[in-house]
């Protein structure tokens, strides 16, 4: 039987607090209009989604660490994962982390970090 260790530690989700100029005069930070979500997809995948409710396009990145056989001294392996996204105003986009590299071994995702900043283009 395969033991799938779910990523119990979704390390802190970071959003860079860069001021955005909005029509109407005020400034807000990206952190007030972005959100992050994660959901299991089947037995060996996790989907990460970033939503942009800002009125400007943003650039985001998500990084994570896949640990295969986390409790084993000899088979333990670590794989870094990363995805970059360009989100238009009021858009969302998803990226998927897969545990396929672990084969039949148990696995865990940790060190999940996401950041967003205004698009400079």
N, C-alpha and C. Protein backbone atom coordinates (compact mmCIF):
# COMPACT_ATOMS: atom_id res chain seq x y z
N UNK A 1 0.85 -1.17 0.00
CA UNK A 1 0.00 0.00 0.00
C UNK A 1 0.90 1.24 0.00
N UNK A 2 0.54 2.17 -0.77
CA UNK A 2 1.31 3.41 -0.88
C UNK A 2 0.84 4.40 0.16
N UNK A 3 1.78 4.93 0.88
CA UNK A 3 1.46 5.95 1.89
C UNK A 3 1.80 7.31 1.31
N UNK A 4 0.80 8.12 1.10
CA UNK A 4 1.02 9.44 0.52
C UNK A 4 1.01 10.48 1.61
N UNK A 5 2.18 11.03 1.89
CA UNK A 5 2.29 12.08 2.90
C UNK A 5 1.91 13.40 2.25
N UNK A 6 0.81 13.95 2.65
CA UNK A 6 0.36 15.24 2.10
C UNK A 6 1.19 16.35 2.68
N UNK A 7 1.33 17.37 2.00
CA UNK A 7 2.14 18.53 2.39
C UNK A 7 1.51 19.25 3.55
N UNK A 8 1.81 18.72 4.72
CA UNK A 8 1.23 19.28 5.94
C UNK A 8 1.72 20.70 6.18
N UNK A 9 2.88 20.98 5.67
CA UNK A 9 3.43 22.32 5.88
C UNK A 9 3.41 23.09 4.59
N UNK A 10 2.40 23.85 4.39
CA UNK A 10 2.39 24.76 3.26
C UNK A 10 3.00 26.04 3.79
N UNK A 11 4.32 26.10 3.72
CA UNK A 11 5.05 27.21 4.34
C UNK A 11 4.45 28.53 3.90
N UNK A 12 4.78 29.51 4.65
CA UNK A 12 4.09 30.78 4.51
C UNK A 12 3.97 31.28 3.08
N UNK A 13 2.81 31.79 2.79
CA UNK A 13 2.53 32.35 1.48
C UNK A 13 2.85 33.83 1.53
N UNK A 14 3.76 34.22 0.69
CA UNK A 14 4.22 35.61 0.71
C UNK A 14 3.69 36.36 -0.49
N UNK A 15 3.34 37.57 -0.27
CA UNK A 15 3.01 38.49 -1.35
C UNK A 15 3.83 39.73 -1.14
N UNK A 16 4.54 40.11 -2.15
CA UNK A 16 5.33 41.33 -2.05
C UNK A 16 4.39 42.51 -1.99
N UNK A 17 4.56 43.33 -0.99
CA UNK A 17 3.68 44.49 -0.80
C UNK A 17 4.25 45.67 -1.56
N UNK A 18 3.96 45.71 -2.84
CA UNK A 18 4.41 46.80 -3.69
C UNK A 18 3.21 47.68 -3.96
N UNK A 19 3.31 48.98 -3.74
CA UNK A 19 2.16 49.85 -3.95
C UNK A 19 1.71 49.85 -5.41
N UNK A 20 0.44 49.86 -5.60
CA UNK A 20 -0.17 49.96 -6.92
C UNK A 20 -0.96 51.25 -6.97
N UNK A 21 -0.83 51.97 -8.04
CA UNK A 21 -1.64 53.17 -8.20
C UNK A 21 -2.94 52.76 -8.88
N UNK A 22 -4.04 53.06 -8.27
CA UNK A 22 -5.34 52.72 -8.82
C UNK A 22 -6.04 54.00 -9.27
N UNK A 23 -6.87 53.85 -10.27
CA UNK A 23 -7.70 54.99 -10.68
C UNK A 23 -8.56 55.36 -9.48
N UNK A 24 -8.66 56.59 -9.20
CA UNK A 24 -9.40 57.02 -8.03
C UNK A 24 -8.47 57.63 -7.00
N UNK A 25 -7.18 57.63 -7.28
CA UNK A 25 -6.27 58.38 -6.45
C UNK A 25 -5.48 57.63 -5.41
N UNK A 26 -6.02 56.58 -4.79
CA UNK A 26 -5.32 55.94 -3.70
C UNK A 26 -4.28 54.94 -4.17
N UNK A 27 -3.51 54.44 -3.25
CA UNK A 27 -2.59 53.35 -3.56
C UNK A 27 -2.95 52.16 -2.70
N UNK A 28 -2.73 50.98 -3.23
CA UNK A 28 -2.96 49.73 -2.52
C UNK A 28 -1.75 48.86 -2.78
N UNK A 29 -1.61 47.80 -2.03
CA UNK A 29 -0.53 46.86 -2.30
C UNK A 29 -1.11 45.65 -3.02
N UNK A 30 -0.24 44.92 -3.67
CA UNK A 30 -0.66 43.71 -4.38
C UNK A 30 -1.31 42.73 -3.40
N UNK A 31 -0.87 42.74 -2.16
CA UNK A 31 -1.40 41.79 -1.18
C UNK A 31 -2.89 41.98 -0.91
N UNK A 32 -3.43 43.15 -1.18
CA UNK A 32 -4.85 43.38 -0.92
C UNK A 32 -5.75 42.87 -2.05
N UNK A 33 -5.16 42.53 -3.18
CA UNK A 33 -6.02 42.11 -4.31
C UNK A 33 -5.53 40.83 -4.98
N UNK A 34 -4.73 40.03 -4.28
CA UNK A 34 -4.35 38.71 -4.80
C UNK A 34 -4.69 37.67 -3.75
N UNK A 35 -4.93 36.45 -4.22
CA UNK A 35 -5.19 35.35 -3.29
C UNK A 35 -4.58 34.07 -3.84
N UNK A 36 -4.33 33.14 -2.95
CA UNK A 36 -3.67 31.87 -3.28
C UNK A 36 -4.53 30.74 -2.74
N UNK A 37 -4.64 29.67 -3.53
CA UNK A 37 -5.41 28.50 -3.11
C UNK A 37 -4.67 27.26 -3.55
N UNK A 38 -4.91 26.16 -2.87
CA UNK A 38 -4.30 24.88 -3.24
C UNK A 38 -5.31 23.77 -3.04
N UNK A 39 -5.25 22.77 -3.92
CA UNK A 39 -6.20 21.67 -3.85
C UNK A 39 -5.55 20.40 -4.35
N UNK A 40 -5.81 19.28 -3.66
CA UNK A 40 -5.32 17.99 -4.12
C UNK A 40 -6.02 17.62 -5.41
N UNK A 41 -5.25 17.03 -6.33
CA UNK A 41 -5.81 16.51 -7.58
C UNK A 41 -5.38 15.06 -7.69
N UNK A 42 -6.28 14.17 -7.35
CA UNK A 42 -5.94 12.75 -7.37
C UNK A 42 -4.99 12.39 -6.23
N UNK A 43 -4.26 11.31 -6.42
CA UNK A 43 -3.36 10.79 -5.39
C UNK A 43 -1.98 11.42 -5.41
N UNK A 44 -1.58 12.03 -6.53
CA UNK A 44 -0.18 12.45 -6.62
C UNK A 44 0.03 13.84 -7.22
N UNK A 45 -0.98 14.70 -7.13
CA UNK A 45 -0.84 16.06 -7.66
C UNK A 45 -1.51 17.06 -6.74
N UNK A 46 -0.96 18.27 -6.74
CA UNK A 46 -1.55 19.39 -6.01
C UNK A 46 -1.61 20.56 -6.98
N UNK A 47 -2.77 21.21 -7.04
CA UNK A 47 -2.95 22.37 -7.91
C UNK A 47 -2.89 23.64 -7.09
N UNK A 48 -2.03 24.57 -7.50
CA UNK A 48 -1.91 25.88 -6.88
C UNK A 48 -2.56 26.91 -7.79
N UNK A 49 -3.38 27.79 -7.24
CA UNK A 49 -4.06 28.81 -8.04
C UNK A 49 -3.85 30.18 -7.42
N UNK A 50 -3.49 31.14 -8.26
CA UNK A 50 -3.38 32.54 -7.83
C UNK A 50 -4.47 33.32 -8.56
N UNK A 51 -5.20 34.13 -7.81
CA UNK A 51 -6.25 34.98 -8.38
C UNK A 51 -5.84 36.44 -8.25
N UNK A 52 -6.03 37.17 -9.32
CA UNK A 52 -5.71 38.59 -9.35
C UNK A 52 -7.01 39.38 -9.45
N UNK A 53 -7.35 40.11 -8.40
CA UNK A 53 -8.51 41.00 -8.49
C UNK A 53 -8.05 42.45 -8.57
N UNK A 54 -6.76 42.65 -8.81
CA UNK A 54 -6.22 44.00 -9.00
C UNK A 54 -6.69 44.54 -10.34
N UNK A 55 -6.64 45.83 -10.49
CA UNK A 55 -7.06 46.44 -11.75
C UNK A 55 -5.88 46.63 -12.69
N UNK A 56 -4.75 46.00 -12.37
CA UNK A 56 -3.55 46.04 -13.21
C UNK A 56 -3.01 44.62 -13.36
N UNK A 57 -2.27 44.33 -14.44
CA UNK A 57 -1.68 43.00 -14.59
C UNK A 57 -0.54 42.80 -13.58
N UNK A 58 -0.34 41.55 -13.16
CA UNK A 58 0.71 41.23 -12.21
C UNK A 58 1.52 40.02 -12.69
N UNK A 59 2.75 39.93 -12.19
CA UNK A 59 3.62 38.78 -12.43
C UNK A 59 3.76 38.04 -11.12
N UNK A 60 3.56 36.73 -11.16
CA UNK A 60 3.61 35.93 -9.93
C UNK A 60 4.52 34.72 -10.13
N UNK A 61 4.99 34.19 -9.02
CA UNK A 61 5.74 32.94 -9.06
C UNK A 61 5.35 32.11 -7.85
N UNK A 62 5.44 30.81 -8.03
CA UNK A 62 5.19 29.85 -6.95
C UNK A 62 6.38 28.90 -6.94
N UNK A 63 6.91 28.60 -5.78
CA UNK A 63 7.96 27.60 -5.67
C UNK A 63 7.59 26.62 -4.56
N UNK A 64 8.10 25.40 -4.67
CA UNK A 64 7.82 24.38 -3.68
C UNK A 64 8.95 23.36 -3.69
N UNK A 65 8.91 22.47 -2.70
CA UNK A 65 9.89 21.40 -2.58
C UNK A 65 9.14 20.09 -2.46
N UNK A 66 9.44 19.15 -3.35
CA UNK A 66 8.88 17.80 -3.31
C UNK A 66 9.90 16.90 -2.62
N UNK A 67 9.48 16.24 -1.55
CA UNK A 67 10.37 15.33 -0.83
C UNK A 67 9.83 13.92 -1.00
N UNK A 68 10.61 13.07 -1.68
CA UNK A 68 10.23 11.67 -1.87
C UNK A 68 10.77 10.85 -0.70
N UNK A 69 9.99 9.90 -0.24
CA UNK A 69 10.35 9.04 0.88
C UNK A 69 10.90 9.86 2.04
N UNK A 70 10.11 10.81 2.56
CA UNK A 70 10.61 11.73 3.57
C UNK A 70 11.12 11.07 4.85
N UNK A 71 10.64 9.87 5.17
CA UNK A 71 11.05 9.21 6.41
C UNK A 71 12.18 8.20 6.21
N UNK A 72 12.66 8.06 4.99
CA UNK A 72 13.72 7.10 4.69
C UNK A 72 15.08 7.78 4.66
N UNK A 73 16.08 7.13 5.23
CA UNK A 73 17.43 7.69 5.20
C UNK A 73 18.12 7.41 3.87
N UNK A 74 17.82 6.29 3.25
CA UNK A 74 18.53 5.92 2.02
C UNK A 74 17.81 6.35 0.74
N UNK A 75 16.49 6.35 0.73
CA UNK A 75 15.74 6.67 -0.50
C UNK A 75 15.27 8.12 -0.58
N UNK A 76 15.41 8.87 0.49
CA UNK A 76 14.92 10.25 0.54
C UNK A 76 15.55 11.06 -0.60
N UNK A 77 14.72 11.77 -1.34
CA UNK A 77 15.18 12.62 -2.44
C UNK A 77 14.37 13.90 -2.43
N UNK A 78 15.02 15.01 -2.78
CA UNK A 78 14.38 16.32 -2.77
C UNK A 78 14.42 16.90 -4.17
N UNK A 79 13.27 17.40 -4.64
CA UNK A 79 13.16 18.01 -5.97
C UNK A 79 12.51 19.39 -5.82
N UNK A 80 13.13 20.39 -6.39
CA UNK A 80 12.57 21.75 -6.36
C UNK A 80 11.59 21.92 -7.52
N UNK A 81 10.52 22.65 -7.28
CA UNK A 81 9.55 22.96 -8.33
C UNK A 81 9.28 24.45 -8.35
N UNK A 82 8.90 24.94 -9.52
CA UNK A 82 8.66 26.39 -9.67
C UNK A 82 7.74 26.61 -10.87
N UNK A 83 6.91 27.65 -10.77
CA UNK A 83 6.06 28.07 -11.88
C UNK A 83 5.97 29.59 -11.87
N UNK A 84 5.97 30.18 -13.05
CA UNK A 84 5.82 31.63 -13.19
C UNK A 84 4.52 31.89 -13.93
N UNK A 85 3.85 32.98 -13.59
CA UNK A 85 2.56 33.32 -14.18
C UNK A 85 2.49 34.81 -14.45
N UNK A 86 1.86 35.15 -15.55
CA UNK A 86 1.52 36.54 -15.87
C UNK A 86 0.00 36.60 -15.88
N UNK A 87 -0.56 37.36 -14.95
CA UNK A 87 -2.01 37.43 -14.82
C UNK A 87 -2.50 38.82 -15.20
N UNK A 88 -3.45 38.85 -16.12
CA UNK A 88 -4.09 40.10 -16.47
C UNK A 88 -4.97 40.56 -15.32
N UNK A 89 -5.48 41.77 -15.44
CA UNK A 89 -6.35 42.27 -14.37
C UNK A 89 -7.57 41.37 -14.26
N UNK A 90 -7.97 41.08 -13.07
CA UNK A 90 -9.08 40.21 -12.70
C UNK A 90 -9.00 38.83 -13.37
N UNK A 91 -7.82 38.22 -13.33
CA UNK A 91 -7.63 36.89 -13.92
C UNK A 91 -7.11 35.92 -12.85
N UNK A 92 -7.13 34.64 -13.17
CA UNK A 92 -6.53 33.64 -12.30
C UNK A 92 -5.79 32.63 -13.16
N UNK A 93 -4.83 31.95 -12.55
CA UNK A 93 -4.06 30.95 -13.28
C UNK A 93 -3.60 29.89 -12.27
N UNK A 94 -3.43 28.66 -12.77
CA UNK A 94 -3.04 27.55 -11.90
C UNK A 94 -1.76 26.90 -12.38
N UNK A 95 -1.06 26.27 -11.45
CA UNK A 95 0.12 25.45 -11.73
C UNK A 95 -0.05 24.16 -10.94
N UNK A 96 0.60 23.11 -11.41
CA UNK A 96 0.43 21.82 -10.78
C UNK A 96 1.77 21.27 -10.31
N UNK A 97 1.79 20.76 -9.09
CA UNK A 97 2.95 20.05 -8.54
C UNK A 97 2.61 18.57 -8.58
N UNK A 98 3.50 17.78 -9.16
CA UNK A 98 3.26 16.36 -9.29
C UNK A 98 4.29 15.57 -8.49
N UNK A 99 3.85 14.49 -7.89
CA UNK A 99 4.74 13.61 -7.14
C UNK A 99 5.18 12.42 -7.99
N UNK A 100 5.00 12.49 -9.29
CA UNK A 100 5.36 11.38 -10.18
C UNK A 100 6.82 10.98 -10.03
N UNK A 101 7.71 11.93 -9.74
CA UNK A 101 9.14 11.63 -9.59
C UNK A 101 9.40 10.67 -8.43
N UNK A 102 8.47 10.56 -7.51
CA UNK A 102 8.66 9.70 -6.35
C UNK A 102 8.28 8.25 -6.62
N UNK A 103 7.66 7.99 -7.74
CA UNK A 103 7.25 6.61 -8.04
C UNK A 103 6.29 6.10 -6.99
N UNK A 104 6.58 4.92 -6.44
CA UNK A 104 5.70 4.30 -5.44
C UNK A 104 6.02 4.75 -4.02
N UNK A 105 7.05 5.57 -3.84
CA UNK A 105 7.40 6.05 -2.50
C UNK A 105 6.39 7.07 -2.00
N UNK A 106 6.35 7.23 -0.68
CA UNK A 106 5.55 8.29 -0.09
C UNK A 106 6.19 9.62 -0.45
N UNK A 107 5.45 10.70 -0.24
CA UNK A 107 5.96 12.01 -0.62
C UNK A 107 5.33 13.10 0.22
N UNK A 108 5.96 14.26 0.19
CA UNK A 108 5.44 15.44 0.88
C UNK A 108 5.85 16.68 0.10
N UNK A 109 4.99 17.67 0.09
CA UNK A 109 5.32 18.98 -0.47
C UNK A 109 5.50 19.93 0.70
N UNK A 110 6.57 20.72 0.65
CA UNK A 110 6.75 21.74 1.67
C UNK A 110 7.43 22.95 1.07
N UNK A 111 7.69 23.93 1.89
CA UNK A 111 8.31 25.19 1.46
C UNK A 111 7.58 25.83 0.28
N UNK A 112 6.26 25.80 0.32
CA UNK A 112 5.46 26.43 -0.72
C UNK A 112 5.46 27.95 -0.48
N UNK A 113 5.93 28.69 -1.48
CA UNK A 113 6.02 30.14 -1.36
C UNK A 113 5.50 30.76 -2.65
N UNK A 114 4.67 31.79 -2.53
CA UNK A 114 4.19 32.50 -3.72
C UNK A 114 4.42 33.99 -3.53
N UNK A 115 4.73 34.64 -4.64
CA UNK A 115 4.94 36.08 -4.63
C UNK A 115 4.31 36.68 -5.88
N UNK A 116 3.88 37.93 -5.78
CA UNK A 116 3.33 38.66 -6.91
C UNK A 116 3.81 40.10 -6.85
N UNK A 117 3.95 40.69 -8.03
CA UNK A 117 4.30 42.10 -8.12
C UNK A 117 3.69 42.68 -9.38
N UNK A 118 3.52 43.97 -9.44
CA UNK A 118 2.94 44.58 -10.64
C UNK A 118 3.79 44.27 -11.87
N UNK A 119 3.13 44.03 -12.97
CA UNK A 119 3.81 43.80 -14.24
C UNK A 119 4.51 45.08 -14.66
N UNK A 120 5.76 44.98 -15.06
CA UNK A 120 6.53 46.18 -15.41
C UNK A 120 6.44 46.53 -16.89
N UNK A 121 5.77 45.72 -17.68
CA UNK A 121 5.63 46.02 -19.13
C UNK A 121 4.60 47.08 -19.40
